Amino acid sequence: MPINLLRRLAEGPLPTTVTEGGDILQLRMLQAAGHVYAKIPLPHAEGWHWRQGPATVYQVTALGHKALRWFGPPHNTGPEKDRES
């Protein structure tokens, strides 16, 4: 989920490199929403396969931090959550 990636980016040191394909797809969504400043190279063909180069995230924007405040802290989703209710 993009909000989880946004949370990880906001909590870690920047700039940082993102290499996993699924994370890069989510990063594209975050960038389109204005939540991050990032350099994401376009995928390119190598033979019969598409390859994606690593992306670099430079900043979580003020809008990105606002989104994190709106969605709140991550919720406990493990078995302990069921015992608390």
PDB file of N, CA and C in Angstrom:
ATOM      1  N   MET A   1       0.848  -1.173   0.000  1.00  0.00           N
ATOM      2  CA  MET A   1       0.000   0.000   0.000  1.00  0.00           C
ATOM      3  C   MET A   1       0.898   1.242   0.000  1.00  0.00           C
ATOM      4  N   PRO A   2       0.610   2.218  -0.832  1.00  0.00           N
ATOM      5  CA  PRO A   2       1.487   3.390  -0.920  1.00  0.00           C
ATOM      6  C   PRO A   2       1.686   4.131   0.401  1.00  0.00           C
ATOM      7  N   ILE A   3       0.679   4.145   1.279  1.00  0.00           N
ATOM      8  CA  ILE A   3       0.849   4.876   2.542  1.00  0.00           C
ATOM      9  C   ILE A   3       1.923   4.221   3.405  1.00  0.00           C
ATOM     10  N   ASN A   4       2.045   2.899   3.326  1.00  0.00           N
ATOM     11  CA  ASN A   4       3.098   2.211   4.085  1.00  0.00           C
ATOM     12  C   ASN A   4       4.476   2.576   3.545  1.00  0.00           C
ATOM     13  N   LEU A   5       4.606   2.663   2.232  1.00  0.00           N
ATOM     14  CA  LEU A   5       5.870   3.089   1.637  1.00  0.00           C
ATOM     15  C   LEU A   5       6.155   4.529   2.023  1.00  0.00           C
ATOM     16  N   LEU A   6       5.157   5.385   1.982  1.00  0.00           N
ATOM     17  CA  LEU A   6       5.337   6.783   2.368  1.00  0.00           C
ATOM     18  C   LEU A   6       5.812   6.881   3.814  1.00  0.00           C
ATOM     19  N   ARG A   7       5.229   6.078   4.681  1.00  0.00           N
ATOM     20  CA  ARG A   7       5.628   6.070   6.100  1.00  0.00           C
ATOM     21  C   ARG A   7       7.095   5.633   6.235  1.00  0.00           C
ATOM     22  N   ARG A   8       7.484   4.570   5.512  1.00  0.00           N
ATOM     23  CA  ARG A   8       8.882   4.104   5.570  1.00  0.00           C
ATOM     24  C   ARG A   8       9.832   5.186   5.077  1.00  0.00           C
ATOM     25  N   LEU A   9       9.450   5.878   3.995  1.00  0.00           N
ATOM     26  CA  LEU A   9      10.308   6.930   3.456  1.00  0.00           C
ATOM     27  C   LEU A   9      10.433   8.092   4.432  1.00  0.00           C
ATOM     28  N   ALA A  10       9.325   8.451   5.079  1.00  0.00           N
ATOM     29  CA  ALA A  10       9.339   9.576   6.017  1.00  0.00           C
ATOM     30  C   ALA A  10      10.168   9.265   7.259  1.00  0.00           C
ATOM     31  N   GLU A  11      10.245   8.000   7.641  1.00  0.00           N
ATOM     32  CA  GLU A  11      10.975   7.611   8.848  1.00  0.00           C
ATOM     33  C   GLU A  11      12.462   7.357   8.599  1.00  0.00           C
ATOM     34  N   GLY A  12      12.854   7.208   7.339  1.00  0.00           N
ATOM     35  CA  GLY A  12      14.244   6.879   7.025  1.00  0.00           C
ATOM     36  C   GLY A  12      15.023   8.075   6.524  1.00  0.00           C
ATOM     37  N   PRO A  13      16.331   7.888   6.349  1.00  0.00           N
ATOM     38  CA  PRO A  13      17.159   8.974   5.823  1.00  0.00           C
ATOM     39  C   PRO A  13      16.927   9.163   4.322  1.00  0.00           C
ATOM     40  N   LEU A  14      16.959  10.405   3.900  1.00  0.00           N
ATOM     41  CA  LEU A  14      16.798  10.734   2.484  1.00  0.00           C
ATOM     42  C   LEU A  14      18.003  11.525   2.022  1.00  0.00           C
ATOM     43  N   PRO A  15      18.439  11.425   0.795  1.00  0.00           N
ATOM     44  CA  PRO A  15      17.839  10.633  -0.274  1.00  0.00           C
ATOM     45  C   PRO A  15      18.068   9.144  -0.054  1.00  0.00           C
ATOM     46  N   THR A  16      17.188   8.352  -0.658  1.00  0.00           N
ATOM     47  CA  THR A  16      17.286   6.903  -0.585  1.00  0.00           C
ATOM     48  C   THR A  16      16.949   6.306  -1.946  1.00  0.00           C
ATOM     49  N   THR A  17      17.393   5.093  -2.157  1.00  0.00           N
ATOM     50  CA  THR A  17      17.170   4.393  -3.419  1.00  0.00           C
ATOM     51  C   THR A  17      16.109   3.324  -3.225  1.00  0.00           C
ATOM     52  N   VAL A  18      15.191   3.240  -4.179  1.00  0.00           N
ATOM     53  CA  VAL A  18      14.140   2.218  -4.177  1.00  0.00           C
ATOM     54  C   VAL A  18      14.382   1.339  -5.394  1.00  0.00           C
ATOM     55  N   THR A  19      14.488   0.026  -5.167  1.00  0.00           N
ATOM     56  CA  THR A  19      14.831  -0.885  -6.265  1.00  0.00           C
ATOM     57  C   THR A  19      13.754  -1.918  -6.584  1.00  0.00           C
ATOM     58  N   GLU A  20      12.881  -2.219  -5.639  1.00  0.00           N
ATOM     59  CA  GLU A  20      11.862  -3.253  -5.863  1.00  0.00           C
ATOM     60  C   GLU A  20      10.778  -2.743  -6.804  1.00  0.00           C
ATOM     61  N   GLY A  21      10.384  -3.570  -7.772  1.00  0.00           N
ATOM     62  CA  GLY A  21       9.398  -3.169  -8.775  1.00  0.00           C
ATOM     63  C   GLY A  21       8.079  -2.705  -8.189  1.00  0.00           C
ATOM     64  N   GLY A  22       7.561  -3.441  -7.200  1.00  0.00           N
ATOM     65  CA  GLY A  22       6.298  -3.063  -6.568  1.00  0.00           C
ATOM     66  C   GLY A  22       6.403  -1.740  -5.835  1.00  0.00           C
ATOM     67  N   ASP A  23       7.526  -1.525  -5.173  1.00  0.00           N
ATOM     68  CA  ASP A  23       7.743  -0.258  -4.468  1.00  0.00           C
ATOM     69  C   ASP A  23       7.868   0.896  -5.454  1.00  0.00           C
ATOM     70  N   ILE A  24       8.494   0.653  -6.599  1.00  0.00           N
ATOM     71  CA  ILE A  24       8.634   1.722  -7.599  1.00  0.00           C
ATOM     72  C   ILE A  24       7.267   2.078  -8.171  1.00  0.00           C
ATOM     73  N   LEU A  25       6.410   1.098  -8.370  1.00  0.00           N
ATOM     74  CA  LEU A  25       5.056   1.374  -8.843  1.00  0.00           C
ATOM     75  C   LEU A  25       4.306   2.242  -7.822  1.00  0.00           C
ATOM     76  N   GLN A  26       4.422   1.896  -6.543  1.00  0.00           N
ATOM     77  CA  GLN A  26       3.785   2.693  -5.498  1.00  0.00           C
ATOM     78  C   GLN A  26       4.411   4.079  -5.411  1.00  0.00           C
ATOM     79  N   LEU A  27       5.706   4.158  -5.628  1.00  0.00           N
ATOM     80  CA  LEU A  27       6.399   5.439  -5.613  1.00  0.00           C
ATOM     81  C   LEU A  27       5.884   6.339  -6.730  1.00  0.00           C
ATOM     82  N   ARG A  28       5.577   5.757  -7.882  1.00  0.00           N
ATOM     83  CA  ARG A  28       4.989   6.539  -8.977  1.00  0.00           C
ATOM     84  C   ARG A  28       3.658   7.159  -8.544  1.00  0.00           C
ATOM     85  N   MET A  29       2.854   6.384  -7.810  1.00  0.00           N
ATOM     86  CA  MET A  29       1.575   6.898  -7.314  1.00  0.00           C
ATOM     87  C   MET A  29       1.790   8.030  -6.315  1.00  0.00           C
ATOM     88  N   LEU A  30       2.746   7.845  -5.415  1.00  0.00           N
ATOM     89  CA  LEU A  30       3.037   8.878  -4.426  1.00  0.00           C
ATOM     90  C   LEU A  30       3.540  10.153  -5.102  1.00  0.00           C
ATOM     91  N   GLN A  31       4.356   9.997  -6.122  1.00  0.00           N
ATOM     92  CA  GLN A  31       4.872  11.153  -6.839  1.00  0.00           C
ATOM     93  C   GLN A  31       3.741  11.866  -7.588  1.00  0.00           C
ATOM     94  N   ALA A  32       2.864  11.111  -8.226  1.00  0.00           N
ATOM     95  CA  ALA A  32       1.737  11.704  -8.952  1.00  0.00           C
ATOM     96  C   ALA A  32       0.797  12.453  -8.015  1.00  0.00           C
ATOM     97  N   ALA A  33       0.687  11.980  -6.775  1.00  0.00           N
ATOM     98  CA  ALA A  33      -0.170  12.644  -5.785  1.00  0.00           C
ATOM     99  C   ALA A  33       0.515  13.845  -5.143  1.00  0.00           C
ATOM    100  N   GLY A  34       1.801  14.036  -5.430  1.00  0.00           N
ATOM    101  CA  GLY A  34       2.529  15.164  -4.857  1.00  0.00           C
ATOM    102  C   GLY A  34       3.062  14.917  -3.466  1.00  0.00           C
ATOM    103  N   HIS A  35       3.175  13.648  -3.071  1.00  0.00           N
ATOM    104  CA  HIS A  35       3.628  13.316  -1.725  1.00  0.00           C
ATOM    105  C   HIS A  35       5.138  13.179  -1.604  1.00  0.00           C
ATOM    106  N   VAL A  36       5.836  12.986  -2.722  1.00  0.00           N
ATOM    107  CA  VAL A  36       7.298  12.855  -2.696  1.00  0.00           C
ATOM    108  C   VAL A  36       7.899  13.552  -3.913  1.00  0.00           C
ATOM    109  N   TYR A  37       9.163  13.939  -3.769  1.00  0.00           N
ATOM    110  CA  TYR A  37       9.993  14.336  -4.903  1.00  0.00           C
ATOM    111  C   TYR A  37      10.928  13.175  -5.153  1.00  0.00           C
ATOM    112  N   ALA A  38      10.879  12.640  -6.354  1.00  0.00           N
ATOM    113  CA  ALA A  38      11.700  11.476  -6.682  1.00  0.00           C
ATOM    114  C   ALA A  38      12.085  11.507  -8.152  1.00  0.00           C
ATOM    115  N   LYS A  39      13.183  10.835  -8.462  1.00  0.00           N
ATOM    116  CA  LYS A  39      13.602  10.621  -9.847  1.00  0.00           C
ATOM    117  C   LYS A  39      13.377   9.145 -10.132  1.00  0.00           C
ATOM    118  N   ILE A  40      12.439   8.882 -11.034  1.00  0.00           N
ATOM    119  CA  ILE A  40      12.071   7.505 -11.361  1.00  0.00           C
ATOM    120  C   ILE A  40      12.338   7.295 -12.846  1.00  0.00           C
ATOM    121  N   PRO A  41      13.340   6.498 -13.193  1.00  0.00           N
ATOM    122  CA  PRO A  41      13.615   6.275 -14.618  1.00  0.00           C
ATOM    123  C   PRO A  41      12.505   5.449 -15.264  1.00  0.00           C
ATOM    124  N   LEU A  42      12.320   5.673 -16.544  1.00  0.00           N
ATOM    125  CA  LEU A  42      11.339   4.878 -17.283  1.00  0.00           C
ATOM    126  C   LEU A  42      11.865   3.458 -17.462  1.00  0.00           C
ATOM    127  N   PRO A  43      10.975   2.469 -17.467  1.00  0.00           N
ATOM    128  CA  PRO A  43      11.418   1.101 -17.748  1.00  0.00           C
ATOM    129  C   PRO A  43      11.938   1.020 -19.181  1.00  0.00           C
ATOM    130  N   HIS A  44      12.828   0.079 -19.413  1.00  0.00           N
ATOM    131  CA  HIS A  44      13.385  -0.097 -20.748  1.00  0.00           C
ATOM    132  C   HIS A  44      13.422  -1.586 -21.091  1.00  0.00           C
ATOM    133  N   ALA A  45      13.388  -1.862 -22.374  1.00  0.00           N
ATOM    134  CA  ALA A  45      13.384  -3.248 -22.845  1.00  0.00           C
ATOM    135  C   ALA A  45      14.812  -3.766 -22.933  1.00  0.00           C
ATOM    136  N   GLU A  46      14.990  -4.969 -22.419  1.00  0.00           N
ATOM    137  CA  GLU A  46      16.256  -5.704 -22.577  1.00  0.00           C
ATOM    138  C   GLU A  46      15.885  -7.062 -23.140  1.00  0.00           C
ATOM    139  N   GLY A  47      16.053  -7.191 -24.428  1.00  0.00           N
ATOM    140  CA  GLY A  47      15.637  -8.435 -25.063  1.00  0.00           C
ATOM    141  C   GLY A  47      14.128  -8.549 -25.007  1.00  0.00           C
ATOM    142  N   TRP A  48      13.641  -9.637 -24.421  1.00  0.00           N
ATOM    143  CA  TRP A  48      12.209  -9.883 -24.321  1.00  0.00           C
ATOM    144  C   TRP A  48      11.621  -9.432 -22.995  1.00  0.00           C
ATOM    145  N   HIS A  49      12.409  -8.784 -22.161  1.00  0.00           N
ATOM    146  CA  HIS A  49      11.950  -8.412 -20.827  1.00  0.00           C
ATOM    147  C   HIS A  49      12.053  -6.902 -20.611  1.00  0.00           C
ATOM    148  N   TRP A  50      11.168  -6.401 -19.759  1.00  0.00           N
ATOM    149  CA  TRP A  50      11.245  -5.005 -19.344  1.00  0.00           C
ATOM    150  C   TRP A  50      12.054  -4.932 -18.072  1.00  0.00           C
ATOM    151  N   ARG A  51      12.931  -3.951 -17.982  1.00  0.00           N
ATOM    152  CA  ARG A  51      13.759  -3.734 -16.792  1.00  0.00           C
ATOM    153  C   ARG A  51      13.472  -2.349 -16.238  1.00  0.00           C
ATOM    154  N   GLN A  52      13.477  -2.257 -14.931  1.00  0.00           N
ATOM    155  CA  GLN A  52      13.256  -0.987 -14.257  1.00  0.00           C
ATOM    156  C   GLN A  52      14.511  -0.636 -13.472  1.00  0.00           C
ATOM    157  N   GLY A  53      15.081   0.508 -13.754  1.00  0.00           N
ATOM    158  CA  GLY A  53      16.226   0.983 -12.997  1.00  0.00           C
ATOM    159  C   GLY A  53      15.791   1.491 -11.637  1.00  0.00           C
ATOM    160  N   PRO A  54      16.716   1.655 -10.714  1.00  0.00           N
ATOM    161  CA  PRO A  54      16.372   2.135  -9.373  1.00  0.00           C
ATOM    162  C   PRO A  54      15.888   3.577  -9.399  1.00  0.00           C
ATOM    163  N   ALA A  55      14.999   3.886  -8.464  1.00  0.00           N
ATOM    164  CA  ALA A  55      14.480   5.245  -8.300  1.00  0.00           C
ATOM    165  C   ALA A  55      15.156   5.872  -7.085  1.00  0.00           C
ATOM    166  N   THR A  56      15.264   7.182  -7.094  1.00  0.00           N
ATOM    167  CA  THR A  56      15.838   7.908  -5.965  1.00  0.00           C
ATOM    168  C   THR A  56      14.787   8.856  -5.405  1.00  0.00           C
ATOM    169  N   VAL A  57      14.539   8.735  -4.104  1.00  0.00           N
ATOM    170  CA  VAL A  57      13.594   9.619  -3.420  1.00  0.00           C
ATOM    171  C   VAL A  57      14.405  10.681  -2.698  1.00  0.00           C
ATOM    172  N   TYR A  58      14.082  11.944  -2.970  1.00  0.00           N
ATOM    173  CA  TYR A  58      14.820  13.054  -2.376  1.00  0.00           C
ATOM    174  C   TYR A  58      14.100  13.699  -1.205  1.00  0.00           C
ATOM    175  N   GLN A  59      12.761  13.690  -1.241  1.00  0.00           N
ATOM    176  CA  GLN A  59      12.032  14.400  -0.194  1.00  0.00           C
ATOM    177  C   GLN A  59      10.611  13.872  -0.081  1.00  0.00           C
ATOM    178  N   VAL A  60      10.109  13.813   1.154  1.00  0.00           N
ATOM    179  CA  VAL A  60       8.684  13.647   1.397  1.00  0.00           C
ATOM    180  C   VAL A  60       8.154  15.065   1.543  1.00  0.00           C
ATOM    181  N   THR A  61       7.190  15.444   0.732  1.00  0.00           N
ATOM    182  CA  THR A  61       6.698  16.817   0.706  1.00  0.00           C
ATOM    183  C   THR A  61       5.819  17.123   1.921  1.00  0.00           C
ATOM    184  N   ALA A  62       5.487  18.388   2.066  1.00  0.00           N
ATOM    185  CA  ALA A  62       4.580  18.796   3.142  1.00  0.00           C
ATOM    186  C   ALA A  62       3.232  18.093   2.976  1.00  0.00           C
ATOM    187  N   LEU A  63       2.775  17.947   1.735  1.00  0.00           N
ATOM    188  CA  LEU A  63       1.527  17.233   1.477  1.00  0.00           C
ATOM    189  C   LEU A  63       1.643  15.763   1.886  1.00  0.00           C
ATOM    190  N   GLY A  64       2.814  15.172   1.657  1.00  0.00           N
ATOM    191  CA  GLY A  64       3.043  13.791   2.081  1.00  0.00           C
ATOM    192  C   GLY A  64       2.983  13.648   3.595  1.00  0.00           C
ATOM    193  N   HIS A  65       3.579  14.595   4.309  1.00  0.00           N
ATOM    194  CA  HIS A  65       3.524  14.563   5.782  1.00  0.00           C
ATOM    195  C   HIS A  65       2.093  14.778   6.275  1.00  0.00           C
ATOM    196  N   LYS A  66       1.349  15.624   5.576  1.00  0.00           N
ATOM    197  CA  LYS A  66      -0.050  15.850   5.939  1.00  0.00           C
ATOM    198  C   LYS A  66      -0.860  14.571   5.746  1.00  0.00           C
ATOM    199  N   ALA A  67      -0.596  13.852   4.662  1.00  0.00           N
ATOM    200  CA  ALA A  67      -1.285  12.576   4.417  1.00  0.00           C
ATOM    201  C   ALA A  67      -0.979  11.580   5.532  1.00  0.00           C
ATOM    202  N   LEU A  68       0.257  11.556   5.995  1.00  0.00           N
ATOM    203  CA  LEU A  68       0.610  10.646   7.091  1.00  0.00           C
ATOM    204  C   LEU A  68      -0.125  11.008   8.371  1.00  0.00           C
ATOM    205  N   ARG A  69      -0.273  12.305   8.634  1.00  0.00           N
ATOM    206  CA  ARG A  69      -1.030  12.721   9.825  1.00  0.00           C
ATOM    207  C   ARG A  69      -2.499  12.338   9.670  1.00  0.00           C
ATOM    208  N   TRP A  70      -3.031  12.488   8.448  1.00  0.00           N
ATOM    209  CA  TRP A  70      -4.437  12.168   8.210  1.00  0.00           C
ATOM    210  C   TRP A  70      -4.712  10.685   8.429  1.00  0.00           C
ATOM    211  N   PHE A  71      -3.832   9.835   7.914  1.00  0.00           N
ATOM    212  CA  PHE A  71      -4.045   8.391   8.044  1.00  0.00           C
ATOM    213  C   PHE A  71      -3.598   7.848   9.389  1.00  0.00           C
ATOM    214  N   GLY A  72      -2.868   8.642  10.163  1.00  0.00           N
ATOM    215  CA  GLY A  72      -2.482   8.256  11.512  1.00  0.00           C
ATOM    216  C   GLY A  72      -1.370   7.229  11.545  1.00  0.00           C
ATOM    217  N   PRO A  73      -1.009   6.832  12.763  1.00  0.00           N
ATOM    218  CA  PRO A  73       0.064   5.847  12.919  1.00  0.00           C
ATOM    219  C   PRO A  73      -0.393   4.483  12.420  1.00  0.00           C
ATOM    220  N   PRO A  74       0.569   3.628  12.097  1.00  0.00           N
ATOM    221  CA  PRO A  74       0.183   2.279  11.642  1.00  0.00           C
ATOM    222  C   PRO A  74      -0.561   1.548  12.750  1.00  0.00           C
ATOM    223  N   HIS A  75      -1.581   0.817  12.373  1.00  0.00           N
ATOM    224  CA  HIS A  75      -2.372   0.070  13.344  1.00  0.00           C
ATOM    225  C   HIS A  75      -1.775  -1.301  13.577  1.00  0.00           C
ATOM    226  N   ASN A  76      -1.926  -1.776  14.781  1.00  0.00           N
ATOM    227  CA  ASN A  76      -1.490  -3.120  15.117  1.00  0.00           C
ATOM    228  C   ASN A  76      -2.436  -4.102  14.431  1.00  0.00           C
ATOM    229  N   THR A  77      -1.908  -4.932  13.567  1.00  0.00           N
ATOM    230  CA  THR A  77      -2.764  -5.861  12.826  1.00  0.00           C
ATOM    231  C   THR A  77      -2.502  -7.309  13.215  1.00  0.00           C
ATOM    232  N   GLY A  78      -1.667  -7.521  14.205  1.00  0.00           N
ATOM    233  CA  GLY A  78      -1.351  -8.882  14.621  1.00  0.00           C
ATOM    234  C   GLY A  78      -2.401  -9.447  15.559  1.00  0.00           C
ATOM    235  N   PRO A  79      -2.141 -10.631  16.105  1.00  0.00           N
ATOM    236  CA  PRO A  79      -3.087 -11.283  17.004  1.00  0.00           C
ATOM    237  C   PRO A  79      -3.347 -10.462  18.269  1.00  0.00           C
ATOM    238  N   GLU A  80      -2.403  -9.609  18.675  1.00  0.00           N
ATOM    239  CA  GLU A  80      -2.565  -8.808  19.884  1.00  0.00           C
ATOM    240  C   GLU A  80      -3.733  -7.848  19.745  1.00  0.00           C
ATOM    241  N   LYS A  81      -4.033  -7.398  18.522  1.00  0.00           N
ATOM    242  CA  LYS A  81      -5.128  -6.458  18.305  1.00  0.00           C
ATOM    243  C   LYS A  81      -6.450  -7.080  18.720  1.00  0.00           C
ATOM    244  N   ASP A  82      -6.637  -8.352  18.416  1.00  0.00           N
ATOM    245  CA  ASP A  82      -7.886  -9.024  18.757  1.00  0.00           C
ATOM    246  C   ASP A  82      -8.073  -9.117  20.266  1.00  0.00           C
ATOM    247  N   ARG A  83      -6.985  -9.248  21.005  1.00  0.00           N
ATOM    248  CA  ARG A  83      -7.083  -9.349  22.468  1.00  0.00           C
ATOM    249  C   ARG A  83      -7.409  -8.011  23.092  1.00  0.00           C
ATOM    250  N   GLU A  84      -7.034  -6.898  22.438  1.00  0.00           N
ATOM    251  CA  GLU A  84      -7.272  -5.579  23.015  1.00  0.00           C
ATOM    252  C   GLU A  84      -8.727  -5.176  22.904  1.00  0.00           C
ATOM    253  N   SER A  85      -9.483  -5.683  21.939  1.00  0.00           N
ATOM    254  CA  SER A  85     -10.857  -5.224  21.745  1.00  0.00           C
ATOM    255  C   SER A  85     -11.833  -5.889  22.667  1.00  0.00           C
TER     256      SER A  85
END
